[in-house]
Amino acid sequence: MQPRYELIPEQKEPVRHGESMFPLKRYITILSDLVPVVTPHWHEEAELTLITEGHCTYHVHLDTFEAEAGDLLFIPPAELHSCKTDPSVTGIRLVSSTFVFHTDYLGAELTDICSVKYIRPIFNHSIVLPYIIKKGHPVYQQILDIFYEMETVYEKREPGYEIKLKALLFYTVALLFPFKQKENNRPQLENEHINKLKTILEYIDIHYAEKLTIGQLAQMCFFSEYHFMRFFKKYIGVSCLEYIKNLRLEKAAAQLTQGELSVLDVSMSCGFSNLSYFYREFRKKYGMTPKKYIAEKKKVENK
């Protein structure tokens, strides 16, 4: 079976996770009223995540999950996914710990039975493992124990830790494999829509500072403007124009905390030609002015 996604280099997240010889890295994610969302993206690596605090809404492929503290998530490679909290509630709303790893680390390019029968089908999506593992799932406790052991091994980095981490990931896949589903259960049209969506999101992410129109984006999908607007909102949950505005605000917020540019320069570099409009929309999204945001973000980072 052919991969359901054509892995176009220009569409993927431009970040290397881990090192070429050890393509695994652990991340701690904190979402709050200051940073309430991880925007839709994809990358060649898989993810194993534990929600340690709070709750959120995960979007994986075309599925939506409510996740809370204690839940585990397995995101396969090249799968479009995002995560968001409720920005109307102040304070930390989500903390998660994630291991991001390339399937080459598990020998996806080898020709042994483990690669051919298990690892490669996960990479090319001919087999899909459960996205979310909640309490009560038959292998939940075993995978939770594995995750805690991975964190300990990763932090201590004692001799042989790379082998231990690889073994623990293999064990995780083995535990989840009996609960797999065949990818051909999903309609081809669904896969085509995801491909189009990936292309649009990547284009917006690259050109967000430029003038973007619905007509321009619709043409990329060979849709009418009306069809495109319905298509985008159906899969992303907000209108395309709202998504672009939110992405620009998030890019601006990230630049503001770096302290290298003035508020005016940041707003202009992120696609806002009107400073008053930028201030109004920034306050609406984050509940404070850009300068207040900078101060609050520093407080959170220094805790």
C-alpha atoms as a PDB file:
ATOM      1  CA  MET A   1       0.000   0.000   0.000  1.00  0.00           C
ATOM      2  CA  GLN A   2       1.288   3.459  -0.907  1.00  0.00           C
ATOM      3  CA  PRO A   3       1.681   6.099   1.821  1.00  0.00           C
ATOM      4  CA  ARG A   4      -1.492   8.156   2.069  1.00  0.00           C
ATOM      5  CA  TYR A   5       0.534  11.358   2.192  1.00  0.00           C
ATOM      6  CA  GLU A   6       3.040  12.552  -0.369  1.00  0.00           C
ATOM      7  CA  LEU A   7       5.769  13.775   1.949  1.00  0.00           C
ATOM      8  CA  ILE A   8       6.555  17.115   0.348  1.00  0.00           C
ATOM      9  CA  PRO A   9       9.653  18.626   2.055  1.00  0.00           C
ATOM     10  CA  GLU A  10       8.230  22.167   1.912  1.00  0.00           C
ATOM     11  CA  GLN A  11       5.223  21.121   4.003  1.00  0.00           C
ATOM     12  CA  LYS A  12       6.945  19.681   7.046  1.00  0.00           C
ATOM     13  CA  GLU A  13       7.916  21.415  10.265  1.00  0.00           C
ATOM     14  CA  PRO A  14      11.460  22.798   9.699  1.00  0.00           C
ATOM     15  CA  VAL A  15      12.886  21.474  12.954  1.00  0.00           C
ATOM     16  CA  ARG A  16      15.245  18.571  13.592  1.00  0.00           C
ATOM     17  CA  HIS A  17      14.278  16.626  16.703  1.00  0.00           C
ATOM     18  CA  GLY A  18      17.304  15.101  18.373  1.00  0.00           C
ATOM     19  CA  GLU A  19      20.518  14.298  16.512  1.00  0.00           C
ATOM     20  CA  SER A  20      21.150  12.325  13.338  1.00  0.00           C
ATOM     21  CA  MET A  21      22.681   9.432  15.297  1.00  0.00           C
ATOM     22  CA  PHE A  22      20.169   9.718  18.143  1.00  0.00           C
ATOM     23  CA  PRO A  23      16.909  11.077  16.654  1.00  0.00           C
ATOM     24  CA  LEU A  24      14.975  11.316  19.911  1.00  0.00           C
ATOM     25  CA  LYS A  25      14.312  14.322  22.110  1.00  0.00           C
ATOM     26  CA  ARG A  26      12.100  15.089  25.079  1.00  0.00           C
ATOM     27  CA  TYR A  27      10.033  18.292  25.274  1.00  0.00           C
ATOM     28  CA  ILE A  28       7.969  19.902  28.020  1.00  0.00           C
ATOM     29  CA  THR A  29       4.994  21.861  26.672  1.00  0.00           C
ATOM     30  CA  ILE A  30       3.113  24.444  28.720  1.00  0.00           C
ATOM     31  CA  LEU A  31      -0.094  25.944  27.353  1.00  0.00           C
ATOM     32  CA  SER A  32      -1.892  28.726  29.180  1.00  0.00           C
ATOM     33  CA  ASP A  33      -3.845  31.901  28.564  1.00  0.00           C
ATOM     34  CA  LEU A  34      -0.547  33.388  27.331  1.00  0.00           C
ATOM     35  CA  VAL A  35       0.168  30.556  24.874  1.00  0.00           C
ATOM     36  CA  PRO A  36      -3.123  28.655  24.468  1.00  0.00           C
ATOM     37  CA  VAL A  37      -2.484  26.625  21.321  1.00  0.00           C
ATOM     38  CA  VAL A  38      -0.045  24.493  19.349  1.00  0.00           C
ATOM     39  CA  THR A  39      -1.084  25.262  15.780  1.00  0.00           C
ATOM     40  CA  PRO A  40      -1.703  22.459  13.233  1.00  0.00           C
ATOM     41  CA  HIS A  41       1.586  20.996  11.994  1.00  0.00           C
ATOM     42  CA  TRP A  42       3.261  17.741  11.048  1.00  0.00           C
ATOM     43  CA  HIS A  43       6.757  16.282  10.932  1.00  0.00           C
ATOM     44  CA  GLU A  44       8.532  13.065  10.005  1.00  0.00           C
ATOM     45  CA  GLU A  45       8.892  11.983  13.636  1.00  0.00           C
ATOM     46  CA  ALA A  46       6.395  10.205  15.876  1.00  0.00           C
ATOM     47  CA  GLU A  47       5.381  11.474  19.324  1.00  0.00           C
ATOM     48  CA  LEU A  48       4.620   9.795  22.634  1.00  0.00           C
ATOM     49  CA  THR A  49       3.055  12.260  25.084  1.00  0.00           C
ATOM     50  CA  LEU A  50       1.847  12.212  28.677  1.00  0.00           C
ATOM     51  CA  ILE A  51      -0.491  14.972  29.856  1.00  0.00           C
ATOM     52  CA  THR A  52       0.786  15.771  33.347  1.00  0.00           C
ATOM     53  CA  GLU A  53      -1.448  18.701  34.275  1.00  0.00           C
ATOM     54  CA  GLY A  54      -4.672  20.308  33.089  1.00  0.00           C
ATOM     55  CA  HIS A  55      -6.724  19.458  30.026  1.00  0.00           C
ATOM     56  CA  CYS A  56      -6.902  20.340  26.334  1.00  0.00           C
ATOM     57  CA  THR A  57      -8.445  19.501  22.978  1.00  0.00           C
ATOM     58  CA  TYR A  58      -6.278  17.502  20.560  1.00  0.00           C
ATOM     59  CA  HIS A  59      -6.882  17.352  16.827  1.00  0.00           C
ATOM     60  CA  VAL A  60      -5.148  14.430  15.106  1.00  0.00           C
ATOM     61  CA  HIS A  61      -5.793  13.779  11.409  1.00  0.00           C
ATOM     62  CA  LEU A  62      -9.546  14.519  11.296  1.00  0.00           C
ATOM     63  CA  ASP A  63     -10.307  13.257  14.792  1.00  0.00           C
ATOM     64  CA  THR A  64     -10.843  15.349  17.937  1.00  0.00           C
ATOM     65  CA  PHE A  65     -10.038  14.202  21.478  1.00  0.00           C
ATOM     66  CA  GLU A  66     -10.490  15.753  24.881  1.00  0.00           C
ATOM     67  CA  ALA A  67      -7.310  14.993  26.818  1.00  0.00           C
ATOM     68  CA  GLU A  68      -6.639  15.491  30.515  1.00  0.00           C
ATOM     69  CA  ALA A  69      -3.965  14.820  33.114  1.00  0.00           C
ATOM     70  CA  GLY A  70      -2.931  11.163  33.000  1.00  0.00           C
ATOM     71  CA  ASP A  71      -3.823  10.593  29.346  1.00  0.00           C
ATOM     72  CA  LEU A  72      -1.212   9.263  26.928  1.00  0.00           C
ATOM     73  CA  LEU A  73      -1.086  10.097  23.213  1.00  0.00           C
ATOM     74  CA  PHE A  74       0.717   8.405  20.348  1.00  0.00           C
ATOM     75  CA  ILE A  75       1.006  10.574  17.216  1.00  0.00           C
ATOM     76  CA  PRO A  76       2.416   8.673  14.210  1.00  0.00           C
ATOM     77  CA  PRO A  77       4.814  10.254  11.707  1.00  0.00           C
ATOM     78  CA  ALA A  78       3.517  12.711   9.096  1.00  0.00           C
ATOM     79  CA  GLU A  79       0.173  13.089  10.881  1.00  0.00           C
ATOM     80  CA  LEU A  80      -1.404  16.528  11.007  1.00  0.00           C
ATOM     81  CA  HIS A  81      -2.056  17.466  14.639  1.00  0.00           C
ATOM     82  CA  SER A  82      -2.683  20.400  16.950  1.00  0.00           C
ATOM     83  CA  CYS A  83      -3.573  21.108  20.561  1.00  0.00           C
ATOM     84  CA  LYS A  84      -5.429  23.937  22.276  1.00  0.00           C
ATOM     85  CA  THR A  85      -6.666  25.012  25.675  1.00  0.00           C
ATOM     86  CA  ASP A  86      -9.376  27.468  26.655  1.00  0.00           C
ATOM     87  CA  PRO A  87      -7.706  30.909  26.513  1.00  0.00           C
ATOM     88  CA  SER A  88     -10.577  32.496  28.441  1.00  0.00           C
ATOM     89  CA  VAL A  89      -9.358  30.798  31.637  1.00  0.00           C
ATOM     90  CA  THR A  90      -6.284  32.384  33.212  1.00  0.00           C
ATOM     91  CA  GLY A  91      -3.355  30.447  34.613  1.00  0.00           C
ATOM     92  CA  ILE A  92      -1.598  27.283  33.446  1.00  0.00           C
ATOM     93  CA  ARG A  93      -4.109  24.966  31.772  1.00  0.00           C
ATOM     94  CA  LEU A  94      -1.883  22.238  30.334  1.00  0.00           C
ATOM     95  CA  VAL A  95       1.516  20.722  30.961  1.00  0.00           C
ATOM     96  CA  SER A  96       2.709  17.756  28.930  1.00  0.00           C
ATOM     97  CA  SER A  97       5.867  15.721  28.484  1.00  0.00           C
ATOM     98  CA  THR A  98       6.646  14.444  24.977  1.00  0.00           C
ATOM     99  CA  PHE A  99       9.218  12.155  23.416  1.00  0.00           C
ATOM    100  CA  VAL A 100       9.645  12.966  19.714  1.00  0.00           C
ATOM    101  CA  PHE A 101      11.501  10.269  17.773  1.00  0.00           C
ATOM    102  CA  HIS A 102      12.176   9.338  14.165  1.00  0.00           C
ATOM    103  CA  THR A 103      11.123   5.877  13.025  1.00  0.00           C
ATOM    104  CA  ASP A 104      14.658   5.349  11.704  1.00  0.00           C
ATOM    105  CA  TYR A 105      15.609   5.082  15.381  1.00  0.00           C
ATOM    106  CA  LEU A 106      13.490   1.931  15.446  1.00  0.00           C
ATOM    107  CA  GLY A 107      14.969   0.626  12.206  1.00  0.00           C
ATOM    108  CA  ALA A 108      12.196   1.578   9.783  1.00  0.00           C
ATOM    109  CA  GLU A 109      14.591   1.232   6.834  1.00  0.00           C
ATOM    110  CA  LEU A 110      15.765  -2.257   7.772  1.00  0.00           C
ATOM    111  CA  THR A 111      14.435  -5.413   6.142  1.00  0.00           C
ATOM    112  CA  ASP A 112      13.935  -7.586   9.203  1.00  0.00           C
ATOM    113  CA  ILE A 113      10.516  -8.802  10.294  1.00  0.00           C
ATOM    114  CA  CYS A 114      10.101  -6.085  12.958  1.00  0.00           C
ATOM    115  CA  SER A 115      10.543  -3.339  10.390  1.00  0.00           C
ATOM    116  CA  VAL A 116       8.530  -4.931   7.585  1.00  0.00           C
ATOM    117  CA  LYS A 117       5.643  -6.176   9.706  1.00  0.00           C
ATOM    118  CA  TYR A 118       5.347  -3.439  12.346  1.00  0.00           C
ATOM    119  CA  ILE A 119       7.471  -0.290  12.096  1.00  0.00           C
ATOM    120  CA  ARG A 120       7.225   0.500   8.383  1.00  0.00           C
ATOM    121  CA  PRO A 121       3.415   0.078   8.216  1.00  0.00           C
ATOM    122  CA  ILE A 122       3.136   2.627  11.041  1.00  0.00           C
ATOM    123  CA  PHE A 123       5.377   5.050   9.132  1.00  0.00           C
ATOM    124  CA  ASN A 124       3.421   4.767   5.863  1.00  0.00           C
ATOM    125  CA  HIS A 125       0.044   4.748   7.657  1.00  0.00           C
ATOM    126  CA  SER A 126      -1.130   1.417   6.315  1.00  0.00           C
ATOM    127  CA  ILE A 127      -1.653   0.674  10.016  1.00  0.00           C
ATOM    128  CA  VAL A 128      -2.778   3.266  12.586  1.00  0.00           C
ATOM    129  CA  LEU A 129      -2.226   2.754  16.308  1.00  0.00           C
ATOM    130  CA  PRO A 130      -4.566   4.348  18.895  1.00  0.00           C
ATOM    131  CA  TYR A 131      -4.031   8.094  19.122  1.00  0.00           C
ATOM    132  CA  ILE A 132      -5.086   8.399  22.765  1.00  0.00           C
ATOM    133  CA  ILE A 133      -4.735   5.914  25.623  1.00  0.00           C
ATOM    134  CA  LYS A 134      -6.866   6.756  28.631  1.00  0.00           C
ATOM    135  CA  LYS A 135      -7.238   5.172  32.045  1.00  0.00           C
ATOM    136  CA  GLY A 136      -9.159   1.957  31.657  1.00  0.00           C
ATOM    137  CA  HIS A 137      -7.506   0.997  28.373  1.00  0.00           C
ATOM    138  CA  PRO A 138      -6.119  -2.571  28.636  1.00  0.00           C
ATOM    139  CA  VAL A 139      -2.476  -1.443  28.237  1.00  0.00           C
ATOM    140  CA  TYR A 140      -2.754   2.005  29.842  1.00  0.00           C
ATOM    141  CA  GLN A 141      -0.877   1.190  33.056  1.00  0.00           C
ATOM    142  CA  GLN A 142       1.885  -0.668  31.241  1.00  0.00           C
ATOM    143  CA  ILE A 143       2.516   2.219  28.840  1.00  0.00           C
ATOM    144  CA  LEU A 144       2.330   4.760  31.674  1.00  0.00           C
ATOM    145  CA  ASP A 145       5.014   2.778  33.538  1.00  0.00           C
ATOM    146  CA  ILE A 146       7.109   2.676  30.363  1.00  0.00           C
ATOM    147  CA  PHE A 147       6.787   6.431  29.949  1.00  0.00           C
ATOM    148  CA  TYR A 148       7.952   7.092  33.520  1.00  0.00           C
ATOM    149  CA  GLU A 149      10.888   4.728  32.977  1.00  0.00           C
ATOM    150  CA  MET A 150      11.772   6.540  29.728  1.00  0.00           C
ATOM    151  CA  GLU A 151      11.841   9.860  31.575  1.00  0.00           C
ATOM    152  CA  THR A 152      14.164   8.428  34.222  1.00  0.00           C
ATOM    153  CA  VAL A 153      16.485   6.842  31.656  1.00  0.00           C
ATOM    154  CA  TYR A 154      16.519  10.017  29.543  1.00  0.00           C
ATOM    155  CA  GLU A 155      17.361  12.262  32.504  1.00  0.00           C
ATOM    156  CA  LYS A 156      20.050  10.025  34.036  1.00  0.00           C
ATOM    157  CA  ARG A 157      21.725   9.137  30.714  1.00  0.00           C
ATOM    158  CA  GLU A 158      23.696   6.282  32.182  1.00  0.00           C
ATOM    159  CA  PRO A 159      25.811   4.085  29.868  1.00  0.00           C
ATOM    160  CA  GLY A 160      23.520   2.206  27.506  1.00  0.00           C
ATOM    161  CA  TYR A 161      20.594   4.619  27.905  1.00  0.00           C
ATOM    162  CA  GLU A 162      20.086   4.875  24.122  1.00  0.00           C
ATOM    163  CA  ILE A 163      19.507   1.120  23.917  1.00  0.00           C
ATOM    164  CA  LYS A 164      17.126   1.210  26.871  1.00  0.00           C
ATOM    165  CA  LEU A 165      15.069   4.003  25.286  1.00  0.00           C
ATOM    166  CA  LYS A 166      14.891   2.134  21.981  1.00  0.00           C
ATOM    167  CA  ALA A 167      13.793  -1.034  23.773  1.00  0.00           C
ATOM    168  CA  LEU A 168      11.093   0.847  25.692  1.00  0.00           C
ATOM    169  CA  LEU A 169       9.742   2.372  22.473  1.00  0.00           C
ATOM    170  CA  PHE A 170       9.669  -1.041  20.823  1.00  0.00           C
ATOM    171  CA  TYR A 171       7.760  -2.370  23.824  1.00  0.00           C
ATOM    172  CA  THR A 172       5.272   0.502  23.566  1.00  0.00           C
ATOM    173  CA  VAL A 173       4.610  -0.283  19.906  1.00  0.00           C
ATOM    174  CA  ALA A 174       4.238  -3.984  20.712  1.00  0.00           C
ATOM    175  CA  LEU A 175       1.654  -3.218  23.415  1.00  0.00           C
ATOM    176  CA  LEU A 176      -0.360  -0.910  21.134  1.00  0.00           C
ATOM    177  CA  PHE A 177      -0.182  -3.082  18.031  1.00  0.00           C
ATOM    178  CA  PRO A 178      -3.073  -5.448  18.963  1.00  0.00           C
ATOM    179  CA  PHE A 179      -5.329  -2.356  19.008  1.00  0.00           C
ATOM    180  CA  LYS A 180      -4.353  -1.175  15.505  1.00  0.00           C
ATOM    181  CA  GLN A 181      -6.730  -0.254  12.730  1.00  0.00           C
ATOM    182  CA  LYS A 182      -6.242  -0.643   9.020  1.00  0.00           C
ATOM    183  CA  GLU A 183      -5.766   2.662   7.237  1.00  0.00           C
ATOM    184  CA  ASN A 184      -7.916   1.579   4.285  1.00  0.00           C
ATOM    185  CA  ASN A 185     -10.932   2.040   6.570  1.00  0.00           C
ATOM    186  CA  ARG A 186     -10.608   5.766   5.771  1.00  0.00           C
ATOM    187  CA  PRO A 187     -12.056   7.143   2.532  1.00  0.00           C
ATOM    188  CA  GLN A 188      -9.645   8.308  -0.158  1.00  0.00           C
ATOM    189  CA  LEU A 189     -11.405  11.687  -0.285  1.00  0.00           C
ATOM    190  CA  GLU A 190     -10.525  12.199   3.379  1.00  0.00           C
ATOM    191  CA  ASN A 191      -6.844  11.641   2.600  1.00  0.00           C
ATOM    192  CA  GLU A 192      -6.992  14.040  -0.331  1.00  0.00           C
ATOM    193  CA  HIS A 193      -8.529  16.713   1.893  1.00  0.00           C
ATOM    194  CA  ILE A 194      -5.778  16.296   4.473  1.00  0.00           C
ATOM    195  CA  ASN A 195      -3.153  16.657   1.741  1.00  0.00           C
ATOM    196  CA  LYS A 196      -4.776  19.886   0.568  1.00  0.00           C
ATOM    197  CA  LEU A 197      -5.012  21.127   4.135  1.00  0.00           C
ATOM    198  CA  LYS A 198      -1.324  20.427   4.747  1.00  0.00           C
ATOM    199  CA  THR A 199      -0.403  22.401   1.654  1.00  0.00           C
ATOM    200  CA  ILE A 200      -2.544  25.375   2.694  1.00  0.00           C
ATOM    201  CA  LEU A 201      -1.301  25.440   6.293  1.00  0.00           C
ATOM    202  CA  GLU A 202       2.312  25.227   5.194  1.00  0.00           C
ATOM    203  CA  TYR A 203       1.807  28.027   2.665  1.00  0.00           C
ATOM    204  CA  ILE A 204       0.182  30.242   5.307  1.00  0.00           C
ATOM    205  CA  ASP A 205       2.981  29.482   7.773  1.00  0.00           C
ATOM    206  CA  ILE A 206       5.596  30.591   5.239  1.00  0.00           C
ATOM    207  CA  HIS A 207       3.726  33.617   3.857  1.00  0.00           C
ATOM    208  CA  TYR A 208       1.771  34.810   6.921  1.00  0.00           C
ATOM    209  CA  ALA A 209       3.472  38.246   6.820  1.00  0.00           C
ATOM    210  CA  GLU A 210       2.285  38.823   3.259  1.00  0.00           C
ATOM    211  CA  LYS A 211      -1.157  39.727   1.956  1.00  0.00           C
ATOM    212  CA  LEU A 212      -3.210  36.518   1.780  1.00  0.00           C
ATOM    213  CA  THR A 213      -6.628  36.262   0.190  1.00  0.00           C
ATOM    214  CA  ILE A 214      -9.299  33.570   0.248  1.00  0.00           C
ATOM    215  CA  GLY A 215      -9.323  33.554  -3.554  1.00  0.00           C
ATOM    216  CA  GLN A 216      -5.591  32.893  -3.682  1.00  0.00           C
ATOM    217  CA  LEU A 217      -5.764  30.013  -1.180  1.00  0.00           C
ATOM    218  CA  ALA A 218      -8.911  28.531  -2.718  1.00  0.00           C
ATOM    219  CA  GLN A 219      -7.212  28.412  -6.095  1.00  0.00           C
ATOM    220  CA  MET A 220      -4.407  26.304  -4.609  1.00  0.00           C
ATOM    221  CA  CYS A 221      -7.024  23.666  -3.725  1.00  0.00           C
ATOM    222  CA  PHE A 222      -8.967  24.074  -6.979  1.00  0.00           C
ATOM    223  CA  PHE A 223     -12.000  25.056  -4.860  1.00  0.00           C
ATOM    224  CA  SER A 224     -14.423  27.922  -5.172  1.00  0.00           C
ATOM    225  CA  GLU A 225     -14.041  30.524  -2.416  1.00  0.00           C
ATOM    226  CA  TYR A 226     -17.311  29.376  -0.838  1.00  0.00           C
ATOM    227  CA  HIS A 227     -16.283  25.709  -0.880  1.00  0.00           C
ATOM    228  CA  PHE A 228     -12.818  26.548   0.428  1.00  0.00           C
ATOM    229  CA  MET A 229     -14.161  28.562   3.381  1.00  0.00           C
ATOM    230  CA  ARG A 230     -16.485  25.698   4.382  1.00  0.00           C
ATOM    231  CA  PHE A 231     -13.700  23.135   3.853  1.00  0.00           C
ATOM    232  CA  PHE A 232     -11.216  25.050   6.019  1.00  0.00           C
ATOM    233  CA  LYS A 233     -13.610  25.703   8.890  1.00  0.00           C
ATOM    234  CA  LYS A 234     -14.802  22.083   8.894  1.00  0.00           C
ATOM    235  CA  TYR A 235     -11.303  20.694   9.455  1.00  0.00           C
ATOM    236  CA  ILE A 236      -9.607  23.474  11.453  1.00  0.00           C
ATOM    237  CA  GLY A 237     -12.567  24.677  13.511  1.00  0.00           C
ATOM    238  CA  VAL A 238     -12.185  28.391  12.729  1.00  0.00           C
ATOM    239  CA  SER A 239     -12.460  30.440   9.546  1.00  0.00           C
ATOM    240  CA  CYS A 240      -9.367  30.794   7.388  1.00  0.00           C
ATOM    241  CA  LEU A 241      -9.115  34.528   8.048  1.00  0.00           C
ATOM    242  CA  GLU A 242      -9.401  33.935  11.795  1.00  0.00           C
ATOM    243  CA  TYR A 243      -6.673  31.290  11.573  1.00  0.00           C
ATOM    244  CA  ILE A 244      -4.353  33.650   9.693  1.00  0.00           C
ATOM    245  CA  LYS A 245      -4.952  36.426  12.214  1.00  0.00           C
ATOM    246  CA  ASN A 246      -4.303  34.084  15.152  1.00  0.00           C
ATOM    247  CA  LEU A 247      -1.122  32.757  13.538  1.00  0.00           C
ATOM    248  CA  ARG A 248       0.142  36.295  12.988  1.00  0.00           C
ATOM    249  CA  LEU A 249      -0.601  37.158  16.615  1.00  0.00           C
ATOM    250  CA  GLU A 250       1.222  34.039  17.831  1.00  0.00           C
ATOM    251  CA  LYS A 251       4.240  34.856  15.649  1.00  0.00           C
ATOM    252  CA  ALA A 252       4.159  38.405  17.001  1.00  0.00           C
ATOM    253  CA  ALA A 253       3.959  37.186  20.604  1.00  0.00           C
ATOM    254  CA  ALA A 254       7.005  34.966  20.035  1.00  0.00           C
ATOM    255  CA  GLN A 255       8.976  37.865  18.535  1.00  0.00           C
ATOM    256  CA  LEU A 256       8.000  40.237  21.336  1.00  0.00           C
ATOM    257  CA  THR A 257       9.497  37.977  24.003  1.00  0.00           C
ATOM    258  CA  GLN A 258      12.826  37.954  22.151  1.00  0.00           C
ATOM    259  CA  GLY A 259      13.115  41.693  22.815  1.00  0.00           C
ATOM    260  CA  GLU A 260      14.946  42.473  19.577  1.00  0.00           C
ATOM    261  CA  LEU A 261      12.251  44.572  17.840  1.00  0.00           C
ATOM    262  CA  SER A 262       9.860  47.327  18.844  1.00  0.00           C
ATOM    263  CA  VAL A 263       6.124  46.639  19.015  1.00  0.00           C
ATOM    264  CA  LEU A 264       5.654  48.544  15.776  1.00  0.00           C
ATOM    265  CA  ASP A 265       8.346  46.573  13.961  1.00  0.00           C
ATOM    266  CA  VAL A 266       6.950  43.283  15.260  1.00  0.00           C
ATOM    267  CA  SER A 267       3.435  44.125  14.132  1.00  0.00           C
ATOM    268  CA  MET A 268       4.631  45.101  10.651  1.00  0.00           C
ATOM    269  CA  SER A 269       6.846  42.030  10.284  1.00  0.00           C
ATOM    270  CA  CYS A 270       3.906  39.772  11.175  1.00  0.00           C
ATOM    271  CA  GLY A 271       1.499  41.141   8.589  1.00  0.00           C
ATOM    272  CA  PHE A 272      -0.308  43.889  10.528  1.00  0.00           C
ATOM    273  CA  SER A 273      -0.268  47.173   8.615  1.00  0.00           C
ATOM    274  CA  ASN A 274      -2.335  49.000  11.253  1.00  0.00           C
ATOM    275  CA  LEU A 275      -0.810  49.336  14.740  1.00  0.00           C
ATOM    276  CA  SER A 276      -4.117  50.178  16.418  1.00  0.00           C
ATOM    277  CA  TYR A 277      -5.706  47.068  14.934  1.00  0.00           C
ATOM    278  CA  PHE A 278      -2.729  44.993  16.128  1.00  0.00           C
ATOM    279  CA  TYR A 279      -3.055  46.329  19.683  1.00  0.00           C
ATOM    280  CA  ARG A 280      -6.804  45.675  19.719  1.00  0.00           C
ATOM    281  CA  GLU A 281      -6.560  42.116  18.417  1.00  0.00           C
ATOM    282  CA  PHE A 282      -3.545  41.303  20.616  1.00  0.00           C
ATOM    283  CA  ARG A 283      -5.436  42.456  23.721  1.00  0.00           C
ATOM    284  CA  LYS A 284      -8.494  40.473  22.628  1.00  0.00           C
ATOM    285  CA  LYS A 285      -6.447  37.264  22.224  1.00  0.00           C
ATOM    286  CA  TYR A 286      -4.097  37.557  25.197  1.00  0.00           C
ATOM    287  CA  GLY A 287      -6.061  39.811  27.532  1.00  0.00           C
ATOM    288  CA  MET A 288      -3.255  42.362  27.810  1.00  0.00           C
ATOM    289  CA  THR A 289      -1.144  44.804  25.807  1.00  0.00           C
ATOM    290  CA  PRO A 290       2.009  43.612  24.009  1.00  0.00           C
ATOM    291  CA  LYS A 291       4.261  45.223  26.635  1.00  0.00           C
ATOM    292  CA  LYS A 292       2.303  43.615  29.479  1.00  0.00           C
ATOM    293  CA  TYR A 293       2.558  40.291  27.665  1.00  0.00           C
ATOM    294  CA  ILE A 294       6.349  40.569  27.546  1.00  0.00           C
ATOM    295  CA  ALA A 295       6.466  41.184  31.298  1.00  0.00           C
ATOM    296  CA  GLU A 296       4.054  38.339  32.102  1.00  0.00           C
ATOM    297  CA  LYS A 297       5.898  35.883  29.873  1.00  0.00           C
ATOM    298  CA  LYS A 298       9.156  36.656  31.673  1.00  0.00           C
ATOM    299  CA  LYS A 299       7.470  35.986  35.013  1.00  0.00           C
ATOM    300  CA  VAL A 300       6.257  32.571  33.812  1.00  0.00           C
ATOM    301  CA  GLU A 301       9.702  31.642  32.431  1.00  0.00           C
ATOM    302  CA  ASN A 302      11.457  32.668  35.660  1.00  0.00           C
ATOM    303  CA  LYS A 303       9.240  30.559  37.913  1.00  0.00           C
END
